[in-house]
């Protein structure tokens, strides 16, 4: 099964299930690029962003080109509130 298929069968709720996907794919070459690209595709947004967050929390770093790609994805096409990247309207 591909990472896209794994994300598409995820129920969007089970942290244990998405962790299994993360553990299966995190070491693959181009993992970050793959999941960054999937964040722009609505059926995969929630799972891809969870995977990206887990990857970053594991101590990995984004390259400048990946950061640029993410900034380019800051748009209203992300329909699900839980998948929107935080923009200037976010406060910490």
PDB file of N, CA and C in Angstrom:
ATOM      1  N   UNK A   1       0.845  -1.173   0.000  1.00  0.00           N
ATOM      2  CA  UNK A   1       0.000   0.000   0.000  1.00  0.00           C
ATOM      3  C   UNK A   1       0.893   1.239   0.000  1.00  0.00           C
ATOM      4  N   UNK A   2       0.468   2.285  -0.695  1.00  0.00           N
ATOM      5  CA  UNK A   2       1.225   3.540  -0.736  1.00  0.00           C
ATOM      6  C   UNK A   2       0.849   4.423   0.454  1.00  0.00           C
ATOM      7  N   UNK A   3       1.649   5.449   0.682  1.00  0.00           N
ATOM      8  CA  UNK A   3       1.339   6.372   1.775  1.00  0.00           C
ATOM      9  C   UNK A   3      -0.011   7.060   1.537  1.00  0.00           C
ATOM     10  N   UNK A   4      -0.319   7.347   0.277  1.00  0.00           N
ATOM     11  CA  UNK A   4      -1.613   7.956  -0.045  1.00  0.00           C
ATOM     12  C   UNK A   4      -2.757   7.022   0.339  1.00  0.00           C
ATOM     13  N   UNK A   5      -2.602   5.753   0.026  1.00  0.00           N
ATOM     14  CA  UNK A   5      -3.633   4.780   0.378  1.00  0.00           C
ATOM     15  C   UNK A   5      -3.756   4.632   1.889  1.00  0.00           C
ATOM     16  N   UNK A   6      -2.622   4.616   2.569  1.00  0.00           N
ATOM     17  CA  UNK A   6      -2.630   4.493   4.029  1.00  0.00           C
ATOM     18  C   UNK A   6      -3.368   5.678   4.662  1.00  0.00           C
ATOM     19  N   UNK A   7      -3.078   6.879   4.178  1.00  0.00           N
ATOM     20  CA  UNK A   7      -3.750   8.063   4.722  1.00  0.00           C
ATOM     21  C   UNK A   7      -5.236   8.030   4.396  1.00  0.00           C
ATOM     22  N   UNK A   8      -5.581   7.603   3.187  1.00  0.00           N
ATOM     23  CA  UNK A   8      -6.996   7.630   2.781  1.00  0.00           C
ATOM     24  C   UNK A   8      -7.845   6.642   3.572  1.00  0.00           C
ATOM     25  N   UNK A   9      -7.268   5.567   4.094  1.00  0.00           N
ATOM     26  CA  UNK A   9      -8.055   4.628   4.898  1.00  0.00           C
ATOM     27  C   UNK A   9      -8.030   4.974   6.390  1.00  0.00           C
ATOM     28  N   UNK A  10      -7.191   5.921   6.780  1.00  0.00           N
ATOM     29  CA  UNK A  10      -7.146   6.368   8.179  1.00  0.00           C
ATOM     30  C   UNK A  10      -8.457   7.056   8.513  1.00  0.00           C
ATOM     31  N   UNK A  11      -8.991   6.801   9.677  1.00  0.00           N
ATOM     32  CA  UNK A  11     -10.282   7.374  10.079  1.00  0.00           C
ATOM     33  C   UNK A  11     -10.204   8.842  10.492  1.00  0.00           C
ATOM     34  N   UNK A  12      -9.013   9.410  10.517  1.00  0.00           N
ATOM     35  CA  UNK A  12      -8.857  10.811  10.886  1.00  0.00           C
ATOM     36  C   UNK A  12      -8.873  11.056  12.383  1.00  0.00           C
ATOM     37  N   UNK A  13      -8.966   9.993  13.158  1.00  0.00           N
ATOM     38  CA  UNK A  13      -9.070  10.143  14.606  1.00  0.00           C
ATOM     39  C   UNK A  13      -8.031   9.341  15.380  1.00  0.00           C
ATOM     40  N   UNK A  14      -7.753   8.140  14.945  1.00  0.00           N
ATOM     41  CA  UNK A  14      -6.881   7.246  15.699  1.00  0.00           C
ATOM     42  C   UNK A  14      -5.418   7.644  15.585  1.00  0.00           C
ATOM     43  N   UNK A  15      -4.876   8.151  16.693  1.00  0.00           N
ATOM     44  CA  UNK A  15      -3.463   8.519  16.720  1.00  0.00           C
ATOM     45  C   UNK A  15      -2.588   7.277  16.555  1.00  0.00           C
ATOM     46  N   UNK A  16      -3.026   6.163  17.109  1.00  0.00           N
ATOM     47  CA  UNK A  16      -2.246   4.932  16.978  1.00  0.00           C
ATOM     48  C   UNK A  16      -2.132   4.499  15.521  1.00  0.00           C
ATOM     49  N   UNK A  17      -3.224   4.605  14.778  1.00  0.00           N
ATOM     50  CA  UNK A  17      -3.209   4.197  13.370  1.00  0.00           C
ATOM     51  C   UNK A  17      -2.304   5.086  12.520  1.00  0.00           C
ATOM     52  N   UNK A  18      -2.345   6.403  12.737  1.00  0.00           N
ATOM     53  CA  UNK A  18      -1.510   7.300  11.931  1.00  0.00           C
ATOM     54  C   UNK A  18      -0.045   7.178  12.349  1.00  0.00           C
ATOM     55  N   UNK A  19       0.205   6.824  13.613  1.00  0.00           N
ATOM     56  CA  UNK A  19       1.585   6.570  14.052  1.00  0.00           C
ATOM     57  C   UNK A  19       2.177   5.365  13.321  1.00  0.00           C
ATOM     58  N   UNK A  20       1.353   4.369  13.058  1.00  0.00           N
ATOM     59  CA  UNK A  20       1.809   3.191  12.305  1.00  0.00           C
ATOM     60  C   UNK A  20       2.236   3.617  10.901  1.00  0.00           C
ATOM     61  N   UNK A  21       1.459   4.503  10.284  1.00  0.00           N
ATOM     62  CA  UNK A  21       1.804   5.021   8.958  1.00  0.00           C
ATOM     63  C   UNK A  21       3.118   5.783   9.043  1.00  0.00           C
ATOM     64  N   UNK A  22       3.251   6.625  10.048  1.00  0.00           N
ATOM     65  CA  UNK A  22       4.477   7.403  10.228  1.00  0.00           C
ATOM     66  C   UNK A  22       5.690   6.482  10.357  1.00  0.00           C
ATOM     67  N   UNK A  23       5.584   5.480  11.215  1.00  0.00           N
ATOM     68  CA  UNK A  23       6.712   4.570  11.437  1.00  0.00           C
ATOM     69  C   UNK A  23       7.064   3.785  10.179  1.00  0.00           C
ATOM     70  N   UNK A  24       6.083   3.491   9.365  1.00  0.00           N
ATOM     71  CA  UNK A  24       6.326   2.715   8.144  1.00  0.00           C
ATOM     72  C   UNK A  24       7.017   3.535   7.061  1.00  0.00           C
ATOM     73  N   UNK A  25       6.794   4.853   7.042  1.00  0.00           N
ATOM     74  CA  UNK A  25       7.278   5.676   5.922  1.00  0.00           C
ATOM     75  C   UNK A  25       8.321   6.717   6.279  1.00  0.00           C
ATOM     76  N   UNK A  26       8.527   7.016   7.541  1.00  0.00           N
ATOM     77  CA  UNK A  26       9.385   8.138   7.949  1.00  0.00           C
ATOM     78  C   UNK A  26      10.818   8.055   7.450  1.00  0.00           C
ATOM     79  N   UNK A  27      11.333   6.872   7.224  1.00  0.00           N
ATOM     80  CA  UNK A  27      12.715   6.700   6.785  1.00  0.00           C
ATOM     81  C   UNK A  27      12.876   6.676   5.264  1.00  0.00           C
ATOM     82  N   UNK A  28      11.776   6.729   4.548  1.00  0.00           N
ATOM     83  CA  UNK A  28      11.867   6.680   3.086  1.00  0.00           C
ATOM     84  C   UNK A  28      12.445   7.978   2.539  1.00  0.00           C
ATOM     85  N   UNK A  29      13.299   7.877   1.529  1.00  0.00           N
ATOM     86  CA  UNK A  29      13.834   9.086   0.899  1.00  0.00           C
ATOM     87  C   UNK A  29      12.687   9.941   0.358  1.00  0.00           C
ATOM     88  N   UNK A  30      12.769  11.224   0.593  1.00  0.00           N
ATOM     89  CA  UNK A  30      11.749  12.138   0.095  1.00  0.00           C
ATOM     90  C   UNK A  30      10.472  12.159   0.909  1.00  0.00           C
ATOM     91  N   UNK A  31      10.511  11.599   2.115  1.00  0.00           N
ATOM     92  CA  UNK A  31       9.313  11.547   2.955  1.00  0.00           C
ATOM     93  C   UNK A  31       8.704  12.935   3.154  1.00  0.00           C
ATOM     94  N   UNK A  32       9.516  13.889   3.573  1.00  0.00           N
ATOM     95  CA  UNK A  32       8.998  15.243   3.839  1.00  0.00           C
ATOM     96  C   UNK A  32       8.405  15.852   2.578  1.00  0.00           C
ATOM     97  N   UNK A  33       9.081  15.727   1.457  1.00  0.00           N
ATOM     98  CA  UNK A  33       8.554  16.276   0.207  1.00  0.00           C
ATOM     99  C   UNK A  33       7.215  15.632  -0.150  1.00  0.00           C
ATOM    100  N   UNK A  34       7.123  14.328   0.035  1.00  0.00           N
ATOM    101  CA  UNK A  34       5.881  13.617  -0.280  1.00  0.00           C
ATOM    102  C   UNK A  34       4.721  14.116   0.564  1.00  0.00           C
ATOM    103  N   UNK A  35       4.951  14.234   1.860  1.00  0.00           N
ATOM    104  CA  UNK A  35       3.827  14.642   2.706  1.00  0.00           C
ATOM    105  C   UNK A  35       3.511  16.129   2.539  1.00  0.00           C
ATOM    106  N   UNK A  36       4.512  16.946   2.259  1.00  0.00           N
ATOM    107  CA  UNK A  36       4.231  18.363   1.979  1.00  0.00           C
ATOM    108  C   UNK A  36       3.344  18.462   0.745  1.00  0.00           C
ATOM    109  N   UNK A  37       3.646  17.697  -0.292  1.00  0.00           N
ATOM    110  CA  UNK A  37       2.806  17.703  -1.496  1.00  0.00           C
ATOM    111  C   UNK A  37       1.397  17.218  -1.200  1.00  0.00           C
ATOM    112  N   UNK A  38       1.255  16.244  -0.315  1.00  0.00           N
ATOM    113  CA  UNK A  38      -0.069  15.719   0.015  1.00  0.00           C
ATOM    114  C   UNK A  38      -0.906  16.707   0.819  1.00  0.00           C
ATOM    115  N   UNK A  39      -0.266  17.671   1.480  1.00  0.00           N
ATOM    116  CA  UNK A  39      -1.045  18.646   2.255  1.00  0.00           C
ATOM    117  C   UNK A  39      -1.884  19.552   1.368  1.00  0.00           C
ATOM    118  N   UNK A  40      -1.604  19.543   0.078  1.00  0.00           N
ATOM    119  CA  UNK A  40      -2.366  20.377  -0.862  1.00  0.00           C
ATOM    120  C   UNK A  40      -3.518  19.604  -1.502  1.00  0.00           C
ATOM    121  N   UNK A  41      -3.681  18.353  -1.141  1.00  0.00           N
ATOM    122  CA  UNK A  41      -4.713  17.504  -1.721  1.00  0.00           C
ATOM    123  C   UNK A  41      -5.726  17.165  -0.622  1.00  0.00           C
ATOM    124  N   UNK A  42      -6.926  17.703  -0.733  1.00  0.00           N
ATOM    125  CA  UNK A  42      -7.908  17.639   0.349  1.00  0.00           C
ATOM    126  C   UNK A  42      -8.093  16.266   1.005  1.00  0.00           C
ATOM    127  N   UNK A  43      -8.188  15.179   0.257  1.00  0.00           N
ATOM    128  CA  UNK A  43      -8.401  13.895   0.945  1.00  0.00           C
ATOM    129  C   UNK A  43      -7.255  13.481   1.871  1.00  0.00           C
ATOM    130  N   UNK A  44      -6.079  14.061   1.657  1.00  0.00           N
ATOM    131  CA  UNK A  44      -4.907  13.665   2.434  1.00  0.00           C
ATOM    132  C   UNK A  44      -4.441  14.733   3.421  1.00  0.00           C
ATOM    133  N   UNK A  45      -5.060  15.895   3.419  1.00  0.00           N
ATOM    134  CA  UNK A  45      -4.560  17.030   4.195  1.00  0.00           C
ATOM    135  C   UNK A  45      -4.375  16.721   5.673  1.00  0.00           C
ATOM    136  N   UNK A  46      -5.382  16.213   6.309  1.00  0.00           N
ATOM    137  CA  UNK A  46      -5.305  16.000   7.755  1.00  0.00           C
ATOM    138  C   UNK A  46      -4.202  15.004   8.109  1.00  0.00           C
ATOM    139  N   UNK A  47      -4.164  13.885   7.422  1.00  0.00           N
ATOM    140  CA  UNK A  47      -3.143  12.878   7.704  1.00  0.00           C
ATOM    141  C   UNK A  47      -1.747  13.365   7.367  1.00  0.00           C
ATOM    142  N   UNK A  48      -1.608  14.040   6.236  1.00  0.00           N
ATOM    143  CA  UNK A  48      -0.291  14.536   5.823  1.00  0.00           C
ATOM    144  C   UNK A  48       0.239  15.559   6.808  1.00  0.00           C
ATOM    145  N   UNK A  49      -0.606  16.426   7.284  1.00  0.00           N
ATOM    146  CA  UNK A  49      -0.148  17.439   8.247  1.00  0.00           C
ATOM    147  C   UNK A  49       0.193  16.806   9.593  1.00  0.00           C
ATOM    148  N   UNK A  50      -0.534  15.772   9.972  1.00  0.00           N
ATOM    149  CA  UNK A  50      -0.173  15.054  11.193  1.00  0.00           C
ATOM    150  C   UNK A  50       1.208  14.433  11.027  1.00  0.00           C
ATOM    151  N   UNK A  51       1.437  13.804   9.880  1.00  0.00           N
ATOM    152  CA  UNK A  51       2.733  13.169   9.619  1.00  0.00           C
ATOM    153  C   UNK A  51       3.866  14.183   9.585  1.00  0.00           C
ATOM    154  N   UNK A  52       3.619  15.340   8.972  1.00  0.00           N
ATOM    155  CA  UNK A  52       4.637  16.384   8.928  1.00  0.00           C
ATOM    156  C   UNK A  52       4.964  16.880  10.328  1.00  0.00           C
ATOM    157  N   UNK A  53       3.953  17.086  11.129  1.00  0.00           N
ATOM    158  CA  UNK A  53       4.153  17.533  12.508  1.00  0.00           C
ATOM    159  C   UNK A  53       4.975  16.502  13.291  1.00  0.00           C
ATOM    160  N   UNK A  54       4.624  15.230  13.165  1.00  0.00           N
ATOM    161  CA  UNK A  54       5.355  14.176  13.867  1.00  0.00           C
ATOM    162  C   UNK A  54       6.806  14.126  13.413  1.00  0.00           C
ATOM    163  N   UNK A  55       7.031  14.298  12.127  1.00  0.00           N
ATOM    164  CA  UNK A  55       8.382  14.274  11.570  1.00  0.00           C
ATOM    165  C   UNK A  55       9.214  15.420  12.126  1.00  0.00           C
ATOM    166  N   UNK A  56       8.629  16.606  12.190  1.00  0.00           N
ATOM    167  CA  UNK A  56       9.337  17.764  12.738  1.00  0.00           C
ATOM    168  C   UNK A  56       9.573  17.617  14.234  1.00  0.00           C
ATOM    169  N   UNK A  57       8.592  17.100  14.951  1.00  0.00           N
ATOM    170  CA  UNK A  57       8.750  16.901  16.393  1.00  0.00           C
ATOM    171  C   UNK A  57       9.807  15.842  16.720  1.00  0.00           C
ATOM    172  N   UNK A  58      10.134  15.025  15.740  1.00  0.00           N
ATOM    173  CA  UNK A  58      11.177  14.013  15.927  1.00  0.00           C
ATOM    174  C   UNK A  58      12.571  14.583  15.699  1.00  0.00           C
ATOM    175  N   UNK A  59      12.659  15.884  15.493  1.00  0.00           N
ATOM    176  CA  UNK A  59      13.954  16.538  15.357  1.00  0.00           C
ATOM    177  C   UNK A  59      14.411  16.786  13.938  1.00  0.00           C
ATOM    178  N   UNK A  60      13.584  16.455  12.975  1.00  0.00           N
ATOM    179  CA  UNK A  60      13.933  16.699  11.573  1.00  0.00           C
ATOM    180  C   UNK A  60      13.760  18.169  11.236  1.00  0.00           C
ATOM    181  N   UNK A  61      14.458  18.605  10.229  1.00  0.00           N
ATOM    182  CA  UNK A  61      14.423  20.010   9.803  1.00  0.00           C
ATOM    183  C   UNK A  61      14.003  20.100   8.344  1.00  0.00           C
ATOM    184  N   UNK A  62      13.262  21.149   8.036  1.00  0.00           N
ATOM    185  CA  UNK A  62      12.867  21.424   6.658  1.00  0.00           C
ATOM    186  C   UNK A  62      13.970  22.183   5.939  1.00  0.00           C
ATOM    187  N   UNK A  63      14.106  21.912   4.658  1.00  0.00           N
ATOM    188  CA  UNK A  63      15.008  22.683   3.816  1.00  0.00           C
ATOM    189  C   UNK A  63      14.280  23.958   3.372  1.00  0.00           C
ATOM    190  N   UNK A  64      15.041  24.951   2.936  1.00  0.00           N
ATOM    191  CA  UNK A  64      14.460  26.216   2.492  1.00  0.00           C
ATOM    192  C   UNK A  64      13.417  25.984   1.401  1.00  0.00           C
ATOM    193  N   UNK A  65      13.699  25.095   0.465  1.00  0.00           N
ATOM    194  CA  UNK A  65      12.749  24.822  -0.624  1.00  0.00           C
ATOM    195  C   UNK A  65      11.444  24.234  -0.094  1.00  0.00           C
ATOM    196  N   UNK A  66      11.527  23.447   0.963  1.00  0.00           N
ATOM    197  CA  UNK A  66      10.317  22.876   1.558  1.00  0.00           C
ATOM    198  C   UNK A  66       9.517  23.939   2.301  1.00  0.00           C
ATOM    199  N   UNK A  67      10.212  24.824   2.983  1.00  0.00           N
ATOM    200  CA  UNK A  67       9.531  25.926   3.669  1.00  0.00           C
ATOM    201  C   UNK A  67       8.837  26.813   2.648  1.00  0.00           C
ATOM    202  N   UNK A  68       9.508  27.091   1.555  1.00  0.00           N
ATOM    203  CA  UNK A  68       8.928  27.899   0.481  1.00  0.00           C
ATOM    204  C   UNK A  68       7.665  27.231  -0.056  1.00  0.00           C
ATOM    205  N   UNK A  69       7.714  25.924  -0.241  1.00  0.00           N
ATOM    206  CA  UNK A  69       6.543  25.171  -0.723  1.00  0.00           C
ATOM    207  C   UNK A  69       5.387  25.304   0.257  1.00  0.00           C
ATOM    208  N   UNK A  70       5.658  25.162   1.542  1.00  0.00           N
ATOM    209  CA  UNK A  70       4.608  25.271   2.559  1.00  0.00           C
ATOM    210  C   UNK A  70       3.992  26.667   2.534  1.00  0.00           C
ATOM    211  N   UNK A  71       4.816  27.703   2.462  1.00  0.00           N
ATOM    212  CA  UNK A  71       4.281  29.061   2.373  1.00  0.00           C
ATOM    213  C   UNK A  71       3.391  29.221   1.147  1.00  0.00           C
ATOM    214  N   UNK A  72       3.762  28.581   0.063  1.00  0.00           N
ATOM    215  CA  UNK A  72       2.948  28.639  -1.139  1.00  0.00           C
ATOM    216  C   UNK A  72       1.608  27.942  -0.990  1.00  0.00           C
ATOM    217  N   UNK A  73       1.502  27.059  -0.003  1.00  0.00           N
ATOM    218  CA  UNK A  73       0.259  26.332   0.235  1.00  0.00           C
ATOM    219  C   UNK A  73      -0.683  27.041   1.200  1.00  0.00           C
ATOM    220  N   UNK A  74      -0.268  28.187   1.714  1.00  0.00           N
ATOM    221  CA  UNK A  74      -1.133  28.946   2.622  1.00  0.00           C
ATOM    222  C   UNK A  74      -2.251  29.585   1.802  1.00  0.00           C
ATOM    223  N   UNK A  75      -3.342  28.888   1.718  1.00  0.00           N
ATOM    224  CA  UNK A  75      -4.428  29.367   0.878  1.00  0.00           C
ATOM    225  C   UNK A  75      -5.772  28.841   1.359  1.00  0.00           C
ATOM    226  N   UNK A  76      -6.848  29.407   0.861  1.00  0.00           N
ATOM    227  CA  UNK A  76      -8.185  28.995   1.300  1.00  0.00           C
ATOM    228  C   UNK A  76      -8.644  27.654   0.738  1.00  0.00           C
ATOM    229  N   UNK A  77      -7.834  26.984  -0.086  1.00  0.00           N
ATOM    230  CA  UNK A  77      -8.246  25.676  -0.606  1.00  0.00           C
ATOM    231  C   UNK A  77      -8.313  24.637   0.498  1.00  0.00           C
ATOM    232  N   UNK A  78      -7.656  24.883   1.611  1.00  0.00           N
ATOM    233  CA  UNK A  78      -7.753  23.969   2.739  1.00  0.00           C
ATOM    234  C   UNK A  78      -9.098  24.201   3.411  1.00  0.00           C
ATOM    235  N   UNK A  79     -10.054  23.386   3.070  1.00  0.00           N
ATOM    236  CA  UNK A  79     -11.428  23.586   3.529  1.00  0.00           C
ATOM    237  C   UNK A  79     -11.657  23.128   4.965  1.00  0.00           C
ATOM    238  N   UNK A  80     -10.950  22.121   5.397  1.00  0.00           N
ATOM    239  CA  UNK A  80     -11.136  21.577   6.730  1.00  0.00           C
ATOM    240  C   UNK A  80     -10.410  22.467   7.739  1.00  0.00           C
ATOM    241  N   UNK A  81     -11.118  22.952   8.735  1.00  0.00           N
ATOM    242  CA  UNK A  81     -10.510  23.877   9.703  1.00  0.00           C
ATOM    243  C   UNK A  81      -9.285  23.283  10.376  1.00  0.00           C
ATOM    244  N   UNK A  82      -9.274  21.961  10.580  1.00  0.00           N
ATOM    245  CA  UNK A  82      -8.159  21.353  11.304  1.00  0.00           C
ATOM    246  C   UNK A  82      -6.915  21.173  10.446  1.00  0.00           C
ATOM    247  N   UNK A  83      -7.019  21.443   9.141  1.00  0.00           N
ATOM    248  CA  UNK A  83      -5.858  21.266   8.268  1.00  0.00           C
ATOM    249  C   UNK A  83      -5.264  22.567   7.796  1.00  0.00           C
ATOM    250  N   UNK A  84      -5.832  23.683   8.169  1.00  0.00           N
ATOM    251  CA  UNK A  84      -5.320  24.961   7.712  1.00  0.00           C
ATOM    252  C   UNK A  84      -4.009  25.290   8.420  1.00  0.00           C
ATOM    253  N   UNK A  85      -3.029  25.696   7.639  1.00  0.00           N
ATOM    254  CA  UNK A  85      -1.806  26.192   8.237  1.00  0.00           C
ATOM    255  C   UNK A  85      -2.116  27.543   8.860  1.00  0.00           C
ATOM    256  N   UNK A  86      -1.534  27.814   9.987  1.00  0.00           N
ATOM    257  CA  UNK A  86      -1.758  29.067  10.690  1.00  0.00           C
ATOM    258  C   UNK A  86      -1.146  30.227   9.892  1.00  0.00           C
ATOM    259  N   UNK A  87      -1.914  31.278   9.724  1.00  0.00           N
ATOM    260  CA  UNK A  87      -1.405  32.472   9.026  1.00  0.00           C
ATOM    261  C   UNK A  87      -1.318  33.616  10.023  1.00  0.00           C
ATOM    262  N   UNK A  88      -1.203  34.823   9.539  1.00  0.00           N
ATOM    263  CA  UNK A  88      -1.019  35.981  10.420  1.00  0.00           C
ATOM    264  C   UNK A  88      -2.185  36.192  11.379  1.00  0.00           C
ATOM    265  N   UNK A  89      -3.314  35.583  11.122  1.00  0.00           N
ATOM    266  CA  UNK A  89      -4.450  35.748  12.038  1.00  0.00           C
ATOM    267  C   UNK A  89      -4.296  34.906  13.295  1.00  0.00           C
ATOM    268  N   UNK A  90      -3.342  33.995  13.317  1.00  0.00           N
ATOM    269  CA  UNK A  90      -3.119  33.143  14.489  1.00  0.00           C
ATOM    270  C   UNK A  90      -2.352  33.914  15.559  1.00  0.00           C
ATOM    271  N   UNK A  91      -2.710  33.700  16.778  1.00  0.00           N
ATOM    272  CA  UNK A  91      -2.018  34.358  17.900  1.00  0.00           C
ATOM    273  C   UNK A  91      -1.499  33.287  18.837  1.00  0.00           C
ATOM    274  N   UNK A  92      -0.337  33.513  19.394  1.00  0.00           N
ATOM    275  CA  UNK A  92       0.208  32.576  20.366  1.00  0.00           C
ATOM    276  C   UNK A  92       0.289  33.222  21.714  1.00  0.00           C
TER     277      UNK A  92
END
